[in-house]
Amino acid sequence: MVKQKQMNYLKFLYASFMIPNREIAEIFEDFGLIEYKHMMWAMNDMVKNKVEFDMDIDSLRDFKSETTNELISKLISQIENSLKNSNTNGVDEETLKRFKSDEDYMLSVLKTLNDDTKITAFDEHKTLKNVQITPEQADAFNFFLVGETFKEYELITIYSYLKAHINDNVEAVNCFADLASDSIYHLKRFAKYAAELGTLSFVRSIDKEKYQNVEMVQFLKENIEEEIGAEKECLILAEKIGNDDLSNFLLFISRQEVYHANLLEKALSHLKK
């Protein structure tokens, strides 16, 4: 069930990056965030009911689409399969009822959508609509986006898994919830820029060692250092690109990395008690 919900939320989010129609993109993004909450509820139930799970996902490569009509058809199939999923071990009956209610509605909405335009998120044109950039600036920015998109997915996965497994420590749970939320926001911003450049790439499964049986205090200490390092990377890239619009965005992200380090410090202090 956790894999199903992960695939659902990722496909909806990626669909929101890919589709040019902003009104439909907002629907996909909303559904993606609902599916992410479904995943967290399933994880919480399974931890409570002592049912083990991992955060593996299937490849998303087959989700790549040429037109929005093809994309919508794939989402309809995804939710139809999700509604048929019988692998519900460890998930409470009330939770499953909520899943069905939400997905019945999603499916009804998807079947009303009528849009058939070309998708340009993968064609590598490397231009932005409202920002003038040189090919060199585009390459530097794209290199950053590819690495950071996967990094943010990795953090979403780790923070979500840890949050579900330390739900008896409210203060630390709140920190991880904030961190996961910010990482989702960052992934969305990075992936939207990549789609606009025509260089969108899919995330992939992360190693189980990244989140299972981790020594929590050491993990947090290492990630505090990584957040500080990420802040410096954003500042360096902002200077290297030399574009006011993109530099302003990168400076904003750099300030958020400082906030994330502070949140990790806060979580560390609560877990040490």
C-alpha atoms as a PDB file:
ATOM      1  CA  MET A   1       0.000   0.000   0.000  1.00  0.00           C
ATOM      2  CA  VAL A   2       2.849   2.403   0.761  1.00  0.00           C
ATOM      3  CA  LYS A   3       4.377   1.856  -2.693  1.00  0.00           C
ATOM      4  CA  GLN A   4       0.964   2.370  -4.325  1.00  0.00           C
ATOM      5  CA  LYS A   5       0.472   5.665  -2.525  1.00  0.00           C
ATOM      6  CA  GLN A   6       4.023   6.795  -3.300  1.00  0.00           C
ATOM      7  CA  MET A   7       3.516   6.082  -6.986  1.00  0.00           C
ATOM      8  CA  ASN A   8       0.176   7.900  -6.907  1.00  0.00           C
ATOM      9  CA  TYR A   9       1.520  11.077  -5.354  1.00  0.00           C
ATOM     10  CA  LEU A  10       4.632  11.130  -7.534  1.00  0.00           C
ATOM     11  CA  LYS A  11       2.682  10.604 -10.753  1.00  0.00           C
ATOM     12  CA  PHE A  12       0.211  13.345  -9.919  1.00  0.00           C
ATOM     13  CA  LEU A  13       3.011  15.757  -9.046  1.00  0.00           C
ATOM     14  CA  TYR A  14       4.946  14.919 -12.210  1.00  0.00           C
ATOM     15  CA  ALA A  15       1.766  15.316 -14.240  1.00  0.00           C
ATOM     16  CA  SER A  16       1.379  18.801 -12.744  1.00  0.00           C
ATOM     17  CA  PHE A  17       4.919  19.655 -13.911  1.00  0.00           C
ATOM     18  CA  MET A  18       4.381  18.241 -17.386  1.00  0.00           C
ATOM     19  CA  ILE A  19       0.993  19.625 -18.406  1.00  0.00           C
ATOM     20  CA  PRO A  20       0.942  23.142 -19.924  1.00  0.00           C
ATOM     21  CA  ASN A  21      -2.648  23.862 -18.798  1.00  0.00           C
ATOM     22  CA  ARG A  22      -2.197  25.567 -15.426  1.00  0.00           C
ATOM     23  CA  GLU A  23      -5.790  24.975 -14.310  1.00  0.00           C
ATOM     24  CA  ILE A  24      -5.445  21.220 -14.797  1.00  0.00           C
ATOM     25  CA  ALA A  25      -1.927  21.318 -13.308  1.00  0.00           C
ATOM     26  CA  GLU A  26      -3.390  22.709 -10.074  1.00  0.00           C
ATOM     27  CA  ILE A  27      -5.863  19.826  -9.925  1.00  0.00           C
ATOM     28  CA  PHE A  28      -3.034  17.313 -10.362  1.00  0.00           C
ATOM     29  CA  GLU A  29      -0.925  19.027  -7.708  1.00  0.00           C
ATOM     30  CA  ASP A  30      -3.819  19.005  -5.224  1.00  0.00           C
ATOM     31  CA  PHE A  31      -4.453  15.310  -5.878  1.00  0.00           C
ATOM     32  CA  GLY A  32      -0.736  14.586  -5.477  1.00  0.00           C
ATOM     33  CA  LEU A  33      -0.675  16.210  -2.049  1.00  0.00           C
ATOM     34  CA  ILE A  34      -3.782  14.242  -1.030  1.00  0.00           C
ATOM     35  CA  GLU A  35      -2.076  11.022  -2.105  1.00  0.00           C
ATOM     36  CA  TYR A  36       1.008  11.995  -0.085  1.00  0.00           C
ATOM     37  CA  LYS A  37      -1.227  12.337   2.989  1.00  0.00           C
ATOM     38  CA  HIS A  38      -2.722   8.935   2.172  1.00  0.00           C
ATOM     39  CA  MET A  39       0.801   7.506   2.171  1.00  0.00           C
ATOM     40  CA  MET A  40       1.521   9.004   5.605  1.00  0.00           C
ATOM     41  CA  TRP A  41      -1.740   7.668   7.049  1.00  0.00           C
ATOM     42  CA  ALA A  42      -0.972   4.192   5.681  1.00  0.00           C
ATOM     43  CA  MET A  43       2.527   4.349   7.168  1.00  0.00           C
ATOM     44  CA  ASN A  44       1.221   5.489  10.557  1.00  0.00           C
ATOM     45  CA  ASP A  45      -1.296   2.641  10.638  1.00  0.00           C
ATOM     46  CA  MET A  46       1.312   0.072   9.640  1.00  0.00           C
ATOM     47  CA  VAL A  47       3.775   1.255  12.284  1.00  0.00           C
ATOM     48  CA  LYS A  48       0.996   1.148  14.899  1.00  0.00           C
ATOM     49  CA  ASN A  49      -0.027  -2.350  13.763  1.00  0.00           C
ATOM     50  CA  LYS A  50       3.601  -3.528  13.635  1.00  0.00           C
ATOM     51  CA  VAL A  51       3.615  -4.246   9.881  1.00  0.00           C
ATOM     52  CA  GLU A  52       6.963  -3.598   8.196  1.00  0.00           C
ATOM     53  CA  PHE A  53       7.303  -1.700   4.922  1.00  0.00           C
ATOM     54  CA  ASP A  54       9.910   0.020   2.791  1.00  0.00           C
ATOM     55  CA  MET A  55       9.906   3.086   0.547  1.00  0.00           C
ATOM     56  CA  ASP A  56      10.789   1.408  -2.770  1.00  0.00           C
ATOM     57  CA  ILE A  57       9.131   2.701  -5.923  1.00  0.00           C
ATOM     58  CA  ASP A  58       8.862   1.395  -9.469  1.00  0.00           C
ATOM     59  CA  SER A  59      10.502   3.200 -12.364  1.00  0.00           C
ATOM     60  CA  LEU A  60       8.608   6.259 -13.571  1.00  0.00           C
ATOM     61  CA  ARG A  61      10.051   6.149 -17.077  1.00  0.00           C
ATOM     62  CA  ASP A  62       6.867   4.685 -18.581  1.00  0.00           C
ATOM     63  CA  PHE A  63       4.977   7.714 -17.270  1.00  0.00           C
ATOM     64  CA  LYS A  64       6.733   9.954 -19.797  1.00  0.00           C
ATOM     65  CA  SER A  65       4.072  11.193 -22.217  1.00  0.00           C
ATOM     66  CA  GLU A  66       4.003  12.957 -25.565  1.00  0.00           C
ATOM     67  CA  THR A  67       0.582  14.594 -25.170  1.00  0.00           C
ATOM     68  CA  THR A  68      -1.651  15.665 -22.297  1.00  0.00           C
ATOM     69  CA  ASN A  69      -4.392  13.276 -23.451  1.00  0.00           C
ATOM     70  CA  GLU A  70      -1.952  10.376 -23.070  1.00  0.00           C
ATOM     71  CA  LEU A  71      -0.946  11.696 -19.647  1.00  0.00           C
ATOM     72  CA  ILE A  72      -4.535  11.923 -18.407  1.00  0.00           C
ATOM     73  CA  SER A  73      -5.220   8.364 -19.615  1.00  0.00           C
ATOM     74  CA  LYS A  74      -2.244   7.110 -17.619  1.00  0.00           C
ATOM     75  CA  LEU A  75      -3.498   8.864 -14.477  1.00  0.00           C
ATOM     76  CA  ILE A  76      -6.947   7.329 -14.906  1.00  0.00           C
ATOM     77  CA  SER A  77      -5.351   3.867 -15.104  1.00  0.00           C
ATOM     78  CA  GLN A  78      -3.196   4.648 -12.067  1.00  0.00           C
ATOM     79  CA  ILE A  79      -6.176   5.507  -9.874  1.00  0.00           C
ATOM     80  CA  GLU A  80      -8.301   2.636 -11.206  1.00  0.00           C
ATOM     81  CA  ASN A  81      -5.493   0.260 -10.196  1.00  0.00           C
ATOM     82  CA  SER A  82      -5.131   1.999  -6.851  1.00  0.00           C
ATOM     83  CA  LEU A  83      -8.825   1.453  -6.106  1.00  0.00           C
ATOM     84  CA  LYS A  84      -8.360  -2.254  -6.886  1.00  0.00           C
ATOM     85  CA  ASN A  85      -5.265  -2.620  -4.680  1.00  0.00           C
ATOM     86  CA  SER A  86      -5.862  -5.490  -2.244  1.00  0.00           C
ATOM     87  CA  ASN A  87      -2.507  -5.219  -0.459  1.00  0.00           C
ATOM     88  CA  THR A  88      -3.989  -3.533   2.608  1.00  0.00           C
ATOM     89  CA  ASN A  89      -2.176  -5.427   5.373  1.00  0.00           C
ATOM     90  CA  GLY A  90      -1.736  -3.209   8.430  1.00  0.00           C
ATOM     91  CA  VAL A  91      -3.928  -0.342   7.213  1.00  0.00           C
ATOM     92  CA  ASP A  92      -7.029   0.356   9.320  1.00  0.00           C
ATOM     93  CA  GLU A  93     -10.475  -0.053   7.775  1.00  0.00           C
ATOM     94  CA  GLU A  94     -11.419   3.585   8.385  1.00  0.00           C
ATOM     95  CA  THR A  95      -8.271   4.721   6.613  1.00  0.00           C
ATOM     96  CA  LEU A  96      -9.084   2.522   3.613  1.00  0.00           C
ATOM     97  CA  LYS A  97     -12.598   3.990   3.444  1.00  0.00           C
ATOM     98  CA  ARG A  98     -11.098   7.479   3.279  1.00  0.00           C
ATOM     99  CA  PHE A  99      -8.742   6.358   0.501  1.00  0.00           C
ATOM    100  CA  LYS A 100     -11.652   4.996  -1.538  1.00  0.00           C
ATOM    101  CA  SER A 101     -13.786   8.081  -1.016  1.00  0.00           C
ATOM    102  CA  ASP A 102     -10.992  10.411  -2.127  1.00  0.00           C
ATOM    103  CA  GLU A 103      -9.974   8.309  -5.120  1.00  0.00           C
ATOM    104  CA  ASP A 104     -13.536   7.819  -6.325  1.00  0.00           C
ATOM    105  CA  TYR A 105     -13.740  11.603  -6.531  1.00  0.00           C
ATOM    106  CA  MET A 106     -10.324  11.914  -8.201  1.00  0.00           C
ATOM    107  CA  LEU A 107     -11.327   9.364 -10.839  1.00  0.00           C
ATOM    108  CA  SER A 108     -14.587  11.179 -11.570  1.00  0.00           C
ATOM    109  CA  VAL A 109     -12.688  14.452 -12.073  1.00  0.00           C
ATOM    110  CA  LEU A 110     -10.008  12.864 -14.269  1.00  0.00           C
ATOM    111  CA  LYS A 111     -12.660  11.418 -16.573  1.00  0.00           C
ATOM    112  CA  THR A 112     -14.076  14.907 -17.218  1.00  0.00           C
ATOM    113  CA  LEU A 113     -10.751  16.407 -18.327  1.00  0.00           C
ATOM    114  CA  ASN A 114     -10.408  17.120 -22.013  1.00  0.00           C
ATOM    115  CA  ASP A 115      -7.026  18.450 -23.060  1.00  0.00           C
ATOM    116  CA  ASP A 116      -4.787  17.269 -25.872  1.00  0.00           C
ATOM    117  CA  THR A 117      -1.685  19.403 -26.304  1.00  0.00           C
ATOM    118  CA  LYS A 118       1.956  18.575 -26.857  1.00  0.00           C
ATOM    119  CA  ILE A 119       4.140  18.104 -23.766  1.00  0.00           C
ATOM    120  CA  THR A 120       7.482  19.942 -23.997  1.00  0.00           C
ATOM    121  CA  ALA A 121       8.876  19.045 -20.551  1.00  0.00           C
ATOM    122  CA  PHE A 122      11.436  16.610 -22.030  1.00  0.00           C
ATOM    123  CA  ASP A 123      12.489  18.209 -25.334  1.00  0.00           C
ATOM    124  CA  GLU A 124      15.637  19.959 -23.950  1.00  0.00           C
ATOM    125  CA  HIS A 125      14.950  23.378 -25.507  1.00  0.00           C
ATOM    126  CA  LYS A 126      16.655  24.977 -22.451  1.00  0.00           C
ATOM    127  CA  THR A 127      14.838  28.300 -22.455  1.00  0.00           C
ATOM    128  CA  LEU A 128      12.577  29.950 -19.882  1.00  0.00           C
ATOM    129  CA  LYS A 129       9.423  31.845 -20.762  1.00  0.00           C
ATOM    130  CA  ASN A 130       9.945  35.017 -18.754  1.00  0.00           C
ATOM    131  CA  VAL A 131      13.672  34.896 -17.995  1.00  0.00           C
ATOM    132  CA  GLN A 132      16.436  35.609 -20.474  1.00  0.00           C
ATOM    133  CA  ILE A 133      19.345  33.186 -19.965  1.00  0.00           C
ATOM    134  CA  THR A 134      22.360  32.186 -22.008  1.00  0.00           C
ATOM    135  CA  PRO A 135      23.023  28.530 -22.937  1.00  0.00           C
ATOM    136  CA  GLU A 136      25.817  28.478 -20.340  1.00  0.00           C
ATOM    137  CA  GLN A 137      23.488  29.799 -17.633  1.00  0.00           C
ATOM    138  CA  ALA A 138      20.833  27.252 -18.644  1.00  0.00           C
ATOM    139  CA  ASP A 139      23.332  24.389 -18.410  1.00  0.00           C
ATOM    140  CA  ALA A 140      24.546  25.491 -14.970  1.00  0.00           C
ATOM    141  CA  PHE A 141      21.004  25.919 -13.685  1.00  0.00           C
ATOM    142  CA  ASN A 142      19.888  22.590 -15.142  1.00  0.00           C
ATOM    143  CA  PHE A 143      22.817  20.735 -13.539  1.00  0.00           C
ATOM    144  CA  PHE A 144      21.718  22.165 -10.190  1.00  0.00           C
ATOM    145  CA  LEU A 145      18.054  21.265 -10.762  1.00  0.00           C
ATOM    146  CA  VAL A 146      18.741  17.630 -11.653  1.00  0.00           C
ATOM    147  CA  GLY A 147      20.799  17.002  -8.518  1.00  0.00           C
ATOM    148  CA  GLU A 148      18.560  18.973  -6.174  1.00  0.00           C
ATOM    149  CA  THR A 149      15.316  17.415  -7.417  1.00  0.00           C
ATOM    150  CA  PHE A 150      16.554  13.938  -6.529  1.00  0.00           C
ATOM    151  CA  LYS A 151      18.003  15.190  -3.245  1.00  0.00           C
ATOM    152  CA  GLU A 152      14.657  16.685  -2.238  1.00  0.00           C
ATOM    153  CA  TYR A 153      12.836  13.457  -3.086  1.00  0.00           C
ATOM    154  CA  GLU A 154      15.367  11.569  -0.989  1.00  0.00           C
ATOM    155  CA  LEU A 155      14.734  13.941   1.929  1.00  0.00           C
ATOM    156  CA  ILE A 156      10.944  13.667   1.551  1.00  0.00           C
ATOM    157  CA  THR A 157      11.271   9.898   1.722  1.00  0.00           C
ATOM    158  CA  ILE A 158      13.612   9.888   4.719  1.00  0.00           C
ATOM    159  CA  TYR A 159      11.739  12.524   6.737  1.00  0.00           C
ATOM    160  CA  SER A 160       8.388  10.830   6.049  1.00  0.00           C
ATOM    161  CA  TYR A 161       9.693   7.417   7.091  1.00  0.00           C
ATOM    162  CA  LEU A 162      11.319   8.765  10.260  1.00  0.00           C
ATOM    163  CA  LYS A 163       8.229  10.807  11.129  1.00  0.00           C
ATOM    164  CA  ALA A 164       6.063   7.685  10.998  1.00  0.00           C
ATOM    165  CA  HIS A 165       8.476   5.749  13.235  1.00  0.00           C
ATOM    166  CA  ILE A 166       8.953   8.330  16.000  1.00  0.00           C
ATOM    167  CA  ASN A 167       5.340   9.408  16.353  1.00  0.00           C
ATOM    168  CA  ASP A 168       5.607   9.271  20.150  1.00  0.00           C
ATOM    169  CA  ASN A 169       7.910  12.327  20.129  1.00  0.00           C
ATOM    170  CA  VAL A 170       5.571  15.172  19.163  1.00  0.00           C
ATOM    171  CA  GLU A 171       8.223  17.893  18.967  1.00  0.00           C
ATOM    172  CA  ALA A 172      10.510  15.858  16.704  1.00  0.00           C
ATOM    173  CA  VAL A 173       7.547  14.731  14.572  1.00  0.00           C
ATOM    174  CA  ASN A 174       6.577  18.365  14.025  1.00  0.00           C
ATOM    175  CA  CYS A 175      10.123  19.168  12.906  1.00  0.00           C
ATOM    176  CA  PHE A 176      10.159  16.293  10.416  1.00  0.00           C
ATOM    177  CA  ALA A 177       6.695  17.293   9.160  1.00  0.00           C
ATOM    178  CA  ASP A 178       7.963  20.830   8.473  1.00  0.00           C
ATOM    179  CA  LEU A 179      11.091  19.499   6.787  1.00  0.00           C
ATOM    180  CA  ALA A 180       9.116  17.101   4.567  1.00  0.00           C
ATOM    181  CA  SER A 181       6.703  19.881   3.631  1.00  0.00           C
ATOM    182  CA  ASP A 182       9.543  22.221   2.643  1.00  0.00           C
ATOM    183  CA  SER A 183      11.253  19.460   0.658  1.00  0.00           C
ATOM    184  CA  ILE A 184       8.012  18.842  -1.265  1.00  0.00           C
ATOM    185  CA  TYR A 185       7.861  22.561  -2.025  1.00  0.00           C
ATOM    186  CA  HIS A 186      11.479  22.600  -3.181  1.00  0.00           C
ATOM    187  CA  LEU A 187      10.978  19.521  -5.361  1.00  0.00           C
ATOM    188  CA  LYS A 188       7.971  21.184  -6.994  1.00  0.00           C
ATOM    189  CA  ARG A 189       9.848  24.426  -7.702  1.00  0.00           C
ATOM    190  CA  PHE A 190      12.941  22.651  -9.048  1.00  0.00           C
ATOM    191  CA  ALA A 191      10.929  20.250 -11.205  1.00  0.00           C
ATOM    192  CA  LYS A 192       8.744  23.054 -12.594  1.00  0.00           C
ATOM    193  CA  TYR A 193      11.844  24.952 -13.675  1.00  0.00           C
ATOM    194  CA  ALA A 194      13.251  21.759 -15.234  1.00  0.00           C
ATOM    195  CA  ALA A 195       9.985  21.157 -17.115  1.00  0.00           C
ATOM    196  CA  GLU A 196      10.070  24.741 -18.381  1.00  0.00           C
ATOM    197  CA  LEU A 197      13.634  24.165 -19.616  1.00  0.00           C
ATOM    198  CA  GLY A 198      12.539  20.912 -21.240  1.00  0.00           C
ATOM    199  CA  THR A 199      14.899  18.896 -19.041  1.00  0.00           C
ATOM    200  CA  LEU A 200      12.516  17.243 -16.584  1.00  0.00           C
ATOM    201  CA  SER A 201      13.879  13.998 -15.113  1.00  0.00           C
ATOM    202  CA  PHE A 202      12.221  11.380 -12.931  1.00  0.00           C
ATOM    203  CA  VAL A 203      13.254  10.477  -9.397  1.00  0.00           C
ATOM    204  CA  ARG A 204      14.128   6.876  -8.545  1.00  0.00           C
ATOM    205  CA  SER A 205      14.165   4.585  -5.510  1.00  0.00           C
ATOM    206  CA  ILE A 206      16.643   5.362  -2.781  1.00  0.00           C
ATOM    207  CA  ASP A 207      18.719   2.826  -0.881  1.00  0.00           C
ATOM    208  CA  LYS A 208      17.032   1.367   2.185  1.00  0.00           C
ATOM    209  CA  GLU A 209      20.171   2.074   4.216  1.00  0.00           C
ATOM    210  CA  LYS A 210      19.327   5.766   3.884  1.00  0.00           C
ATOM    211  CA  TYR A 211      16.261   5.472   6.100  1.00  0.00           C
ATOM    212  CA  GLN A 212      16.032   2.026   7.740  1.00  0.00           C
ATOM    213  CA  ASN A 213      17.833   1.324  11.004  1.00  0.00           C
ATOM    214  CA  VAL A 214      19.617   4.668  10.959  1.00  0.00           C
ATOM    215  CA  GLU A 215      21.338   6.024  14.039  1.00  0.00           C
ATOM    216  CA  MET A 216      19.100   9.054  14.485  1.00  0.00           C
ATOM    217  CA  VAL A 217      21.473  11.434  16.282  1.00  0.00           C
ATOM    218  CA  GLN A 218      24.292  10.818  13.803  1.00  0.00           C
ATOM    219  CA  PHE A 219      21.883  11.159  10.876  1.00  0.00           C
ATOM    220  CA  LEU A 220      20.672  14.528  12.099  1.00  0.00           C
ATOM    221  CA  LYS A 221      24.201  15.800  12.703  1.00  0.00           C
ATOM    222  CA  GLU A 222      25.241  14.811   9.172  1.00  0.00           C
ATOM    223  CA  ASN A 223      22.178  16.432   7.633  1.00  0.00           C
ATOM    224  CA  ILE A 224      22.759  19.664   9.532  1.00  0.00           C
ATOM    225  CA  GLU A 225      26.162  19.838   7.826  1.00  0.00           C
ATOM    226  CA  GLU A 226      24.559  19.027   4.463  1.00  0.00           C
ATOM    227  CA  GLU A 227      22.009  21.831   4.839  1.00  0.00           C
ATOM    228  CA  ILE A 228      24.782  24.299   5.628  1.00  0.00           C
ATOM    229  CA  GLY A 229      26.661  23.042   2.578  1.00  0.00           C
ATOM    230  CA  ALA A 230      23.531  23.393   0.432  1.00  0.00           C
ATOM    231  CA  GLU A 231      23.201  27.016   1.474  1.00  0.00           C
ATOM    232  CA  LYS A 232      26.735  27.705   0.247  1.00  0.00           C
ATOM    233  CA  GLU A 233      26.072  25.861  -3.048  1.00  0.00           C
ATOM    234  CA  CYS A 234      23.032  28.059  -3.728  1.00  0.00           C
ATOM    235  CA  LEU A 235      25.046  31.222  -3.051  1.00  0.00           C
ATOM    236  CA  ILE A 236      27.864  30.084  -5.347  1.00  0.00           C
ATOM    237  CA  LEU A 237      25.440  29.163  -8.124  1.00  0.00           C
ATOM    238  CA  ALA A 238      23.563  32.451  -7.785  1.00  0.00           C
ATOM    239  CA  GLU A 239      26.811  34.318  -8.349  1.00  0.00           C
ATOM    240  CA  LYS A 240      27.869  32.013 -11.191  1.00  0.00           C
ATOM    241  CA  ILE A 241      24.574  32.356 -13.096  1.00  0.00           C
ATOM    242  CA  GLY A 242      24.525  36.116 -12.724  1.00  0.00           C
ATOM    243  CA  ASN A 243      20.832  36.370 -13.655  1.00  0.00           C
ATOM    244  CA  ASP A 244      18.814  38.582 -11.323  1.00  0.00           C
ATOM    245  CA  ASP A 245      15.607  36.509 -11.483  1.00  0.00           C
ATOM    246  CA  LEU A 246      17.260  33.144 -10.955  1.00  0.00           C
ATOM    247  CA  SER A 247      19.735  34.525  -8.418  1.00  0.00           C
ATOM    248  CA  ASN A 248      16.847  35.882  -6.348  1.00  0.00           C
ATOM    249  CA  PHE A 249      15.227  32.431  -6.387  1.00  0.00           C
ATOM    250  CA  LEU A 250      18.482  30.738  -5.378  1.00  0.00           C
ATOM    251  CA  LEU A 251      19.064  33.208  -2.548  1.00  0.00           C
ATOM    252  CA  PHE A 252      15.561  32.434  -1.287  1.00  0.00           C
ATOM    253  CA  ILE A 253      16.353  28.694  -1.346  1.00  0.00           C
ATOM    254  CA  SER A 254      19.676  29.326   0.437  1.00  0.00           C
ATOM    255  CA  ARG A 255      17.862  31.079   3.282  1.00  0.00           C
ATOM    256  CA  GLN A 256      15.492  28.137   3.571  1.00  0.00           C
ATOM    257  CA  GLU A 257      18.456  25.765   3.876  1.00  0.00           C
ATOM    258  CA  VAL A 258      19.565  27.729   6.957  1.00  0.00           C
ATOM    259  CA  TYR A 259      16.076  27.328   8.404  1.00  0.00           C
ATOM    260  CA  HIS A 260      16.224  23.576   7.702  1.00  0.00           C
ATOM    261  CA  ALA A 261      19.507  23.289   9.602  1.00  0.00           C
ATOM    262  CA  ASN A 262      17.809  25.025  12.524  1.00  0.00           C
ATOM    263  CA  LEU A 263      14.885  22.586  12.361  1.00  0.00           C
ATOM    264  CA  LEU A 264      17.275  19.640  12.376  1.00  0.00           C
ATOM    265  CA  GLU A 265      19.036  21.112  15.413  1.00  0.00           C
ATOM    266  CA  LYS A 266      15.638  21.415  17.109  1.00  0.00           C
ATOM    267  CA  ALA A 267      14.723  17.805  16.275  1.00  0.00           C
ATOM    268  CA  LEU A 268      18.122  16.679  17.565  1.00  0.00           C
ATOM    269  CA  SER A 269      17.597  18.467  20.873  1.00  0.00           C
ATOM    270  CA  HIS A 270      14.210  16.786  21.377  1.00  0.00           C
ATOM    271  CA  LEU A 271      15.473  13.305  20.496  1.00  0.00           C
ATOM    272  CA  LYS A 272      18.374  13.634  22.950  1.00  0.00           C
ATOM    273  CA  LYS A 273      15.989  14.174  25.856  1.00  0.00           C
END
